[in-house]
Amino acid sequence: MALLNSTPQEYYDGNDFGNYQFVSLKDIINQFMVIYVGEDKIIPKAKRLDVAFHAQRALAELSFDTLKSVKAQEITLPPSLQMILPHDYVNYTKISTVDSAGIKHLLYPASKTSNPQSSPLQDADGNFTLQAVGALDASNNIIVLDKEYKDILVGMLVVGPYIPAGTIVSSTSNLANITTITIENSSGIAIFPLQSNAGTTLTFEKTDGSLFLPQKESHIVENLSWNLIDYKITGTASELTNIKVGMIVSHDNFKPGTVVTNVFATTIVVDKLPNPPAVPSGGEITFVSSELKDSTAWSNYKSQTPSENNNDDYDDDNYWPINGERYGLDPQHAQINGSFYIDEILGKIHFSSNIAGKTVILDYISDSLGTDGEMQVHKFAEEAMYKWISHAILSGKANIPEYQVLRFKKERFAAIRTAKLRLSNLKLEELTQILRGKSKQIKH
């Protein structure tokens, strides 16, 4: 029976080129169930679900260090100096830039920096608190603070002397760099301080007890208007140009978690309708970025010209006395290509400033399980898949002689080793061409 299901003309007219070198994971499972499982066979009985599980595990494990990794992604690095990891990323093999001739220049990891995610707000004493001094009026639920506080948002808890328990911020407003808040209880009823006091230190807390992590951006925009029948906020303020999609809306007329979905000219579109009563005009809203403020380590790293980018020939008056030698040179920085580090929590790659605007190529490893179309194995490693599945099933069964398990373990090891040798793609002519230069003198 022929294995090819198309004529040569159909193959060349199509776009599925080179696929004959692979076998699908589905075919491997089907063939394993037929050849390896059944009466008078080494595995008398096995569920197809178990075989499918071990087949996927075998494919994932072999993808990491045996099968050829052909996945890559190319981007033009934006001014943010960040690249989002691909959806099926597991690890990288190399990261490089491309010059005008199409040649790759390898980038090296910066192992002595990072991007800490926990950088909570601190007061002058180093305490993790957000505090403000306010003027309390026992007959009014309005509190005037001593300066502008963009980090105080609607819904935060207010704790302090003469403040009843369970008090929250119901609204905020700002005028002449002074923040004014109104307070209420959890039921939305206005609440008043227990006593008037001109200078009371108030502490603001999150309802879930978490620390305050400063947001990347925060903008207070005045002279806005909105209503109950659409999702639009309109205004003519120049600050509107700073509002971006994804920012969170902080105002008592809007539900907590309301997000900006579009910004055009003087119109902002949000994802939730405002709560009554709607403010017809003159309203003020605080817009907060959903992203956290950059850490000091990342800010400093991206703002500085990399030390390896210094093109000094080291033969000037500063270096001539040491006869051209560079004492204490760290070899990992002895290149001008640039550097990077990976933030595993945010799922982004951070690059040094000299990479901005360049074409970056990420060659990476996946587990080959991302989509149905990529669940295939090179025919050089097909036998390794069968041996892996056999050993996995036998080692998980009860009452299987240990010698049988060890036998298949050895066979699995030998099959993987054979697959690695075949997939290494060593060619005698290519090796000979490389080794012809072995007698050349290497200049130090």
Protein backbone atom coordinates (compact mmCIF):
# COMPACT_ATOMS: atom_id res chain seq x y z
CA MET A 1 0.00 0.00 0.00
CA ALA A 2 1.44 3.38 -0.98
CA LEU A 3 2.10 5.87 1.78
CA LEU A 4 1.71 8.90 -0.47
CA ASN A 5 -1.91 9.94 -0.95
CA SER A 6 -1.30 12.54 -3.67
CA THR A 7 0.32 12.61 -7.08
CA PRO A 8 3.57 14.55 -7.66
CA GLN A 9 1.62 17.19 -9.60
CA GLU A 10 -0.84 17.66 -6.71
CA TYR A 11 2.07 17.98 -4.29
CA TYR A 12 3.84 20.71 -6.25
CA ASP A 13 0.59 22.57 -6.87
CA GLY A 14 -0.18 22.62 -3.14
CA ASN A 15 1.57 24.29 -0.23
CA ASP A 16 2.21 21.42 2.19
CA PHE A 17 5.85 20.95 1.21
CA GLY A 18 8.22 18.56 2.99
CA ASN A 19 5.54 17.02 5.16
CA TYR A 20 6.47 13.44 4.21
CA GLN A 21 9.37 13.58 6.68
CA PHE A 22 6.89 13.78 9.58
CA VAL A 23 4.33 11.43 11.06
CA SER A 24 1.38 12.78 13.02
CA LEU A 25 0.89 12.04 16.69
CA LYS A 26 -2.52 10.59 15.88
CA ASP A 27 -0.94 8.07 13.52
CA ILE A 28 1.65 7.11 16.14
CA ILE A 29 -1.10 6.43 18.68
CA ASN A 30 -3.13 4.40 16.19
CA GLN A 31 -0.14 2.35 15.08
CA PHE A 32 0.96 1.74 18.67
CA MET A 33 -2.49 0.42 19.59
CA VAL A 34 -2.39 -1.97 16.61
CA ILE A 35 1.20 -3.24 16.85
CA TYR A 36 2.11 -3.09 20.54
CA VAL A 37 -1.19 -3.74 22.37
CA GLY A 38 -3.17 -6.96 22.26
CA GLU A 39 -3.19 -10.66 22.93
CA ASP A 40 0.23 -12.38 22.82
CA LYS A 41 1.95 -8.97 22.78
CA ILE A 42 4.22 -7.33 25.32
CA ILE A 43 1.33 -5.08 26.45
CA PRO A 44 -1.79 -7.28 26.62
CA LYS A 45 -4.15 -4.44 27.52
CA ALA A 46 -3.91 -0.65 27.50
CA LYS A 47 -6.46 2.12 27.31
CA ARG A 48 -6.22 4.43 24.34
CA LEU A 49 -6.45 7.40 26.75
CA ASP A 50 -3.31 6.18 28.56
CA VAL A 51 -1.45 5.74 25.28
CA ALA A 52 -2.49 9.23 24.15
CA PHE A 53 -1.27 10.75 27.43
CA HIS A 54 2.14 9.07 27.28
CA ALA A 55 2.45 9.92 23.59
CA GLN A 56 1.94 13.62 24.34
CA ARG A 57 4.43 13.47 27.20
CA ALA A 58 6.94 11.73 24.92
CA LEU A 59 6.48 14.39 22.24
CA ALA A 60 6.94 17.20 24.75
CA GLU A 61 10.07 15.71 26.32
CA LEU A 62 11.67 14.85 22.98
CA SER A 63 10.92 18.36 21.70
CA PHE A 64 13.16 19.87 24.39
CA ASP A 65 16.45 18.22 23.48
CA THR A 66 16.03 15.66 20.68
CA LEU A 67 13.74 16.91 17.95
CA LYS A 68 14.84 19.81 15.78
CA SER A 69 13.49 23.14 16.97
CA VAL A 70 12.35 25.16 13.97
CA LYS A 71 10.25 27.81 15.73
CA ALA A 72 11.21 31.45 15.44
CA GLN A 73 9.61 34.86 15.69
CA GLU A 74 10.84 38.11 14.15
CA ILE A 75 9.84 41.59 15.32
CA THR A 76 11.02 45.16 15.04
CA LEU A 77 11.86 46.15 18.60
CA PRO A 78 9.63 49.07 19.71
CA PRO A 79 10.80 52.00 21.89
CA SER A 80 9.55 50.13 24.98
CA LEU A 81 12.50 47.72 24.43
CA GLN A 82 10.21 44.79 25.24
CA MET A 83 9.18 41.70 23.30
CA ILE A 84 6.24 39.52 24.35
CA LEU A 85 7.06 35.80 24.54
CA PRO A 86 5.23 33.67 21.92
CA HIS A 87 2.12 31.83 23.09
CA ASP A 88 3.79 28.40 22.86
CA TYR A 89 7.20 29.49 24.23
CA VAL A 90 9.02 27.11 26.59
CA ASN A 91 12.66 28.22 26.33
CA TYR A 92 14.88 30.07 23.91
CA THR A 93 17.75 28.66 21.90
CA LYS A 94 19.15 32.01 20.80
CA ILE A 95 18.15 35.64 20.46
CA SER A 96 19.77 37.76 17.79
CA THR A 97 19.51 40.90 15.69
CA VAL A 98 19.71 41.02 11.89
CA ASP A 99 21.89 43.45 9.96
CA SER A 100 21.31 44.89 6.46
CA ALA A 101 22.94 41.81 4.92
CA GLY A 102 20.55 39.44 6.71
CA ILE A 103 23.27 38.08 9.00
CA LYS A 104 22.37 37.30 12.60
CA HIS A 105 24.31 38.89 15.47
CA LEU A 106 23.92 36.96 18.71
CA LEU A 107 22.69 38.78 21.83
CA TYR A 108 23.85 37.69 25.27
CA PRO A 109 21.81 37.48 28.48
CA ALA A 110 22.37 40.11 31.15
CA SER A 111 22.54 37.88 34.21
CA LYS A 112 23.19 40.63 36.72
CA THR A 113 19.91 42.52 36.47
CA SER A 114 16.18 41.82 36.71
CA ASN A 115 12.76 43.46 36.85
CA PRO A 116 11.36 43.12 40.38
CA GLN A 117 7.57 43.15 40.38
CA SER A 118 7.10 44.04 44.03
CA SER A 119 7.92 47.71 44.57
CA PRO A 120 5.21 48.91 46.96
CA LEU A 121 4.71 52.53 47.91
CA GLN A 122 6.69 53.62 50.95
CA ASP A 123 6.53 56.63 53.23
CA ALA A 124 9.53 58.64 54.42
CA ASP A 125 10.24 56.04 57.12
CA GLY A 126 10.16 53.13 54.68
CA ASN A 127 6.79 51.81 55.82
CA PHE A 128 4.54 50.26 53.17
CA THR A 129 1.65 52.69 53.65
CA LEU A 130 -0.19 55.37 51.70
CA GLN A 131 -0.87 58.23 54.08
CA ALA A 132 -2.21 61.75 53.72
CA VAL A 133 -3.04 64.59 56.09
CA GLY A 134 -6.66 65.70 55.91
CA ALA A 135 -8.93 68.30 57.45
CA LEU A 136 -11.91 66.60 59.12
CA ASP A 137 -15.31 68.24 59.55
CA ALA A 138 -17.76 66.39 61.77
CA SER A 139 -20.70 67.88 59.83
CA ASN A 140 -19.44 67.01 56.37
CA ASN A 141 -18.31 63.88 54.54
CA ILE A 142 -15.82 65.90 52.47
CA ILE A 143 -12.15 65.73 53.49
CA VAL A 144 -9.60 68.14 52.01
CA LEU A 145 -6.10 66.61 51.87
CA ASP A 146 -2.80 68.48 52.13
CA LYS A 147 -1.70 67.88 48.49
CA GLU A 148 -2.53 65.95 45.32
CA TYR A 149 -2.65 62.15 45.62
CA LYS A 150 -3.13 60.35 42.31
CA ASP A 151 -2.81 56.94 44.00
CA ILE A 152 -5.95 57.43 46.10
CA LEU A 153 -8.79 55.78 44.17
CA VAL A 154 -12.50 55.26 44.66
CA GLY A 155 -13.27 52.21 46.81
CA MET A 156 -10.19 52.34 49.06
CA LEU A 157 -10.55 52.00 52.81
CA VAL A 158 -9.89 55.07 54.97
CA VAL A 159 -8.40 54.46 58.42
CA GLY A 160 -7.47 57.08 60.98
CA PRO A 161 -8.49 58.94 64.15
CA TYR A 162 -12.18 59.93 64.25
CA ILE A 163 -12.89 57.85 61.14
CA PRO A 164 -15.60 55.17 61.67
CA ALA A 165 -14.65 51.59 60.85
CA GLY A 166 -15.50 50.45 57.34
CA THR A 167 -15.20 53.92 55.78
CA ILE A 168 -14.35 53.96 52.08
CA VAL A 169 -13.54 56.62 49.48
CA SER A 170 -16.67 57.38 47.45
CA SER A 171 -15.19 60.03 45.13
CA THR A 172 -12.07 62.08 44.52
CA SER A 173 -11.50 65.52 43.02
CA ASN A 174 -8.47 67.69 42.46
CA LEU A 175 -8.07 71.44 42.22
CA ALA A 176 -4.86 73.52 42.37
CA ASN A 177 -2.80 70.39 43.23
CA ILE A 178 -5.04 69.58 46.20
CA THR A 179 -7.02 66.31 46.44
CA THR A 180 -10.44 66.29 48.05
CA ILE A 181 -12.27 63.06 48.90
CA THR A 182 -15.76 62.16 50.01
CA ILE A 183 -16.38 59.20 52.29
CA GLU A 184 -19.20 56.70 52.76
CA ASN A 185 -19.85 53.26 54.21
CA SER A 186 -20.03 49.97 52.31
CA SER A 187 -23.75 50.52 51.65
CA GLY A 188 -23.11 53.78 49.82
CA ILE A 189 -24.45 56.03 52.60
CA ALA A 190 -22.50 59.18 53.39
CA ILE A 191 -20.55 58.93 56.62
CA PHE A 192 -19.12 61.73 58.78
CA PRO A 193 -16.00 61.95 60.94
CA LEU A 194 -16.60 61.54 64.65
CA GLN A 195 -14.85 64.81 65.42
CA SER A 196 -13.50 67.84 63.55
CA ASN A 197 -9.73 68.07 63.33
CA ALA A 198 -7.66 70.28 61.00
CA GLY A 199 -4.63 67.99 60.60
CA THR A 200 -5.42 64.28 60.83
CA THR A 201 -3.13 61.61 59.41
CA LEU A 202 -5.21 59.20 57.33
CA THR A 203 -4.11 55.82 56.03
CA PHE A 204 -5.55 54.42 52.81
CA GLU A 205 -5.73 50.66 52.34
CA LYS A 206 -6.91 48.25 49.66
CA THR A 207 -10.03 46.24 50.51
CA ASP A 208 -8.19 42.96 49.88
CA GLY A 209 -5.31 43.91 52.22
CA SER A 210 -2.67 43.90 49.47
CA LEU A 211 0.12 46.48 49.30
CA PHE A 212 0.02 49.54 47.06
CA LEU A 213 1.98 48.92 43.88
CA PRO A 214 2.43 52.19 41.96
CA GLN A 215 0.79 52.20 38.55
CA LYS A 216 2.76 53.16 35.45
CA GLU A 217 0.56 56.16 34.69
CA SER A 218 -2.16 58.13 36.44
CA HIS A 219 -4.02 61.09 34.96
CA ILE A 220 -6.68 63.33 36.47
CA VAL A 221 -8.89 64.85 33.78
CA GLU A 222 -11.41 67.60 34.48
CA ASN A 223 -14.34 69.08 32.51
CA LEU A 224 -15.65 65.72 31.29
CA SER A 225 -19.27 64.70 30.69
CA TRP A 226 -21.17 61.43 30.32
CA ASN A 227 -24.68 60.01 30.61
CA LEU A 228 -26.54 56.77 31.34
CA ILE A 229 -27.44 55.77 27.78
CA ASP A 230 -24.06 55.23 26.15
CA TYR A 231 -20.50 54.20 26.98
CA LYS A 232 -18.90 57.51 25.98
CA ILE A 233 -17.04 60.10 28.02
CA THR A 234 -16.46 63.39 26.22
CA GLY A 235 -14.34 66.41 26.96
CA THR A 236 -12.10 69.06 25.51
CA ALA A 237 -9.28 68.92 28.05
CA SER A 238 -5.77 68.61 26.60
CA GLU A 239 -5.00 65.85 29.12
CA LEU A 240 -7.28 63.58 27.09
CA THR A 241 -4.34 62.84 24.79
CA ASN A 242 -2.66 60.95 27.67
CA ILE A 243 -5.56 58.53 28.09
CA LYS A 244 -4.86 55.10 26.63
CA VAL A 245 -6.84 51.95 25.93
CA GLY A 246 -6.76 49.62 28.94
CA MET A 247 -6.69 52.33 31.62
CA ILE A 248 -8.97 51.89 34.62
CA VAL A 249 -11.66 54.50 35.39
CA SER A 250 -11.84 55.66 39.02
CA HIS A 251 -15.06 57.55 39.79
CA ASP A 252 -18.11 56.97 41.95
CA ASN A 253 -20.41 57.09 38.89
CA PHE A 254 -18.62 54.13 37.32
CA LYS A 255 -18.47 50.54 38.50
CA PRO A 256 -15.10 49.40 39.92
CA GLY A 257 -12.99 47.85 37.18
CA THR A 258 -14.41 49.97 34.35
CA VAL A 259 -11.83 50.00 31.55
CA VAL A 260 -11.17 52.33 28.62
CA THR A 261 -11.76 50.45 25.35
CA ASN A 262 -11.21 53.23 22.81
CA VAL A 263 -9.92 56.79 22.59
CA PHE A 264 -10.64 59.03 19.62
CA ALA A 265 -10.12 62.81 19.52
CA THR A 266 -12.15 64.09 22.49
CA THR A 267 -14.19 60.92 23.08
CA ILE A 268 -13.37 58.07 25.43
CA VAL A 269 -15.29 54.77 25.23
CA VAL A 270 -15.53 52.52 28.31
CA ASP A 271 -16.76 48.94 28.74
CA LYS A 272 -19.45 49.64 31.38
CA LEU A 273 -22.34 52.08 31.59
CA PRO A 274 -22.12 54.67 34.38
CA ASN A 275 -24.23 54.34 37.52
CA PRO A 276 -26.88 56.97 38.30
CA PRO A 277 -26.84 59.83 38.84
CA ALA A 278 -25.00 60.77 35.66
CA VAL A 279 -22.93 63.94 35.72
CA PRO A 280 -24.05 66.18 32.83
CA SER A 281 -20.89 68.29 32.68
CA GLY A 282 -17.88 69.49 34.62
CA GLY A 283 -17.06 65.99 35.86
CA GLU A 284 -13.59 64.85 36.86
CA ILE A 285 -12.22 61.33 36.46
CA THR A 286 -8.97 59.68 37.47
CA PHE A 287 -7.59 57.32 34.81
CA VAL A 288 -5.05 54.77 36.05
CA SER A 289 -2.83 52.53 33.95
CA SER A 290 -3.42 48.81 34.35
CA GLU A 291 0.35 48.27 34.16
CA LEU A 292 2.64 48.73 37.13
CA LYS A 293 5.33 51.37 37.24
CA ASP A 294 8.69 50.22 35.89
CA SER A 295 11.09 48.99 38.55
CA THR A 296 14.20 51.05 39.22
CA ALA A 297 16.38 48.21 37.91
CA TRP A 298 14.55 48.05 34.58
CA SER A 299 14.36 51.85 34.24
CA ASN A 300 18.09 52.20 34.75
CA TYR A 301 18.92 49.28 32.46
CA LYS A 302 16.94 50.57 29.47
CA SER A 303 17.96 54.22 29.90
CA GLN A 304 21.72 53.68 29.85
CA THR A 305 23.99 53.11 26.88
CA PRO A 306 25.38 49.58 27.39
CA SER A 307 29.00 49.43 28.46
CA GLU A 308 29.70 46.92 25.69
CA ASN A 309 28.57 49.52 23.16
CA ASN A 310 31.62 51.70 23.81
CA ASN A 311 33.63 51.71 20.59
CA ASP A 312 36.75 53.26 22.13
CA ASP A 313 39.86 51.72 20.57
CA TYR A 314 41.53 51.83 24.00
CA ASP A 315 44.69 53.36 22.55
CA ASP A 316 44.07 56.92 23.78
CA ASP A 317 45.78 58.70 26.71
CA ASN A 318 43.63 56.84 29.24
CA TYR A 319 44.53 53.33 28.12
CA TRP A 320 47.95 53.74 26.51
CA PRO A 321 49.85 53.39 29.83
CA ILE A 322 48.55 49.83 30.20
CA ASN A 323 49.87 48.88 26.73
CA GLY A 324 46.46 48.15 25.25
CA GLU A 325 45.55 45.55 27.90
CA ARG A 326 42.11 45.61 29.50
CA TYR A 327 42.38 44.27 33.03
CA GLY A 328 39.24 42.86 34.66
CA LEU A 329 37.34 42.49 31.39
CA ASP A 330 34.20 40.37 31.74
CA PRO A 331 34.05 38.23 28.57
CA GLN A 332 30.24 38.15 28.53
CA HIS A 333 30.24 41.92 27.97
CA ALA A 334 33.10 41.96 25.44
CA GLN A 335 30.80 42.47 22.46
CA ILE A 336 28.80 45.30 20.93
CA ASN A 337 25.72 43.34 19.86
CA GLY A 338 23.66 44.16 22.95
CA SER A 339 22.06 42.18 25.76
CA PHE A 340 18.69 41.06 27.11
CA TYR A 341 17.01 39.40 30.04
CA ILE A 342 13.70 37.55 30.32
CA ASP A 343 11.00 38.51 32.81
CA GLU A 344 9.27 35.17 33.35
CA ILE A 345 6.45 36.67 35.46
CA LEU A 346 5.34 39.25 32.88
CA GLY A 347 6.27 36.99 29.95
CA LYS A 348 8.44 39.60 28.24
CA ILE A 349 12.00 39.92 27.00
CA HIS A 350 13.76 43.17 27.98
CA PHE A 351 16.52 44.48 25.71
CA SER A 352 19.34 46.99 26.14
CA SER A 353 18.86 50.45 24.66
CA ASN A 354 21.14 49.90 21.65
CA ILE A 355 18.66 47.34 20.22
CA ALA A 356 15.80 49.84 19.79
CA GLY A 357 14.40 49.83 16.26
CA LYS A 358 16.42 46.81 15.16
CA THR A 359 15.02 43.55 13.82
CA VAL A 360 15.12 40.90 16.55
CA ILE A 361 14.76 37.17 15.95
CA LEU A 362 13.80 34.81 18.76
CA ASP A 363 14.60 31.15 18.10
CA TYR A 364 12.79 29.11 20.69
CA ILE A 365 11.69 25.67 21.82
CA SER A 366 8.07 24.60 22.17
CA ASP A 367 6.61 21.34 23.47
CA SER A 368 4.96 20.73 20.06
CA LEU A 369 1.55 20.49 21.74
CA GLY A 370 0.32 24.01 21.05
CA THR A 371 -1.94 23.16 18.10
CA ASP A 372 -3.16 20.01 16.37
CA GLY A 373 -1.18 20.87 13.24
CA GLU A 374 2.17 20.78 15.01
CA MET A 375 1.59 17.49 16.84
CA GLN A 376 3.91 15.55 14.55
CA VAL A 377 7.19 13.73 14.88
CA HIS A 378 10.09 13.46 12.48
CA LYS A 379 10.40 9.94 11.13
CA PHE A 380 13.94 9.73 12.50
CA ALA A 381 12.41 9.80 16.00
CA GLU A 382 9.35 7.64 15.37
CA GLU A 383 10.89 4.53 16.94
CA ALA A 384 11.92 6.56 19.98
CA MET A 385 8.26 7.53 20.45
CA TYR A 386 7.14 3.88 20.43
CA LYS A 387 9.83 2.86 22.93
CA TRP A 388 9.02 5.81 25.20
CA ILE A 389 5.29 4.96 25.26
CA SER A 390 5.99 1.26 25.86
CA HIS A 391 8.28 1.93 28.81
CA ALA A 392 5.89 4.50 30.30
CA ILE A 393 2.92 2.14 30.17
CA LEU A 394 4.80 -0.88 31.54
CA SER A 395 6.42 1.10 34.35
CA GLY A 396 2.98 2.32 35.45
CA LYS A 397 1.36 -1.12 35.59
CA ALA A 398 1.25 -3.45 38.56
CA ASN A 399 2.66 -7.00 38.50
CA ILE A 400 5.03 -6.30 35.62
CA PRO A 401 8.41 -8.05 36.05
CA GLU A 402 11.18 -5.59 36.73
CA TYR A 403 13.36 -7.08 34.02
CA GLN A 404 10.76 -6.15 31.40
CA VAL A 405 10.62 -2.55 32.63
CA LEU A 406 14.44 -2.31 32.60
CA ARG A 407 14.58 -3.85 29.14
CA PHE A 408 12.26 -1.21 27.68
CA LYS A 409 14.10 1.51 29.59
CA LYS A 410 17.31 0.50 27.85
CA GLU A 411 15.56 0.27 24.50
CA ARG A 412 14.08 3.74 25.02
CA PHE A 413 17.50 5.17 25.82
CA ALA A 414 19.05 3.54 22.75
CA ALA A 415 16.22 4.73 20.47
CA ILE A 416 16.53 8.32 21.71
CA ARG A 417 20.29 8.24 21.21
CA THR A 418 19.82 6.97 17.66
CA ALA A 419 17.23 9.70 16.98
CA LYS A 420 19.64 12.38 18.23
CA LEU A 421 22.39 11.12 15.95
CA ARG A 422 20.10 11.03 12.93
CA LEU A 423 18.60 14.46 13.64
CA SER A 424 22.03 16.01 14.18
CA ASN A 425 22.19 16.00 10.37
CA LEU A 426 25.96 15.58 10.15
CA LYS A 427 27.25 15.48 6.58
CA LEU A 428 30.77 14.26 5.77
CA GLU A 429 31.32 16.83 3.03
CA GLU A 430 30.28 19.72 5.28
CA LEU A 431 32.51 18.55 8.12
CA THR A 432 35.42 18.16 5.73
CA GLN A 433 34.96 21.70 4.45
CA ILE A 434 34.98 23.07 8.01
CA LEU A 435 38.01 21.03 9.06
CA ARG A 436 40.04 22.29 6.10
CA GLY A 437 40.64 25.44 8.06
CA LYS A 438 41.89 23.61 11.14
CA SER A 439 45.53 24.43 10.40
CA LYS A 440 44.93 28.15 10.15
CA GLN A 441 46.64 30.25 12.80
CA ILE A 442 44.17 31.72 15.30
CA LYS A 443 45.07 35.28 16.26
CA HIS A 444 44.68 36.16 19.92
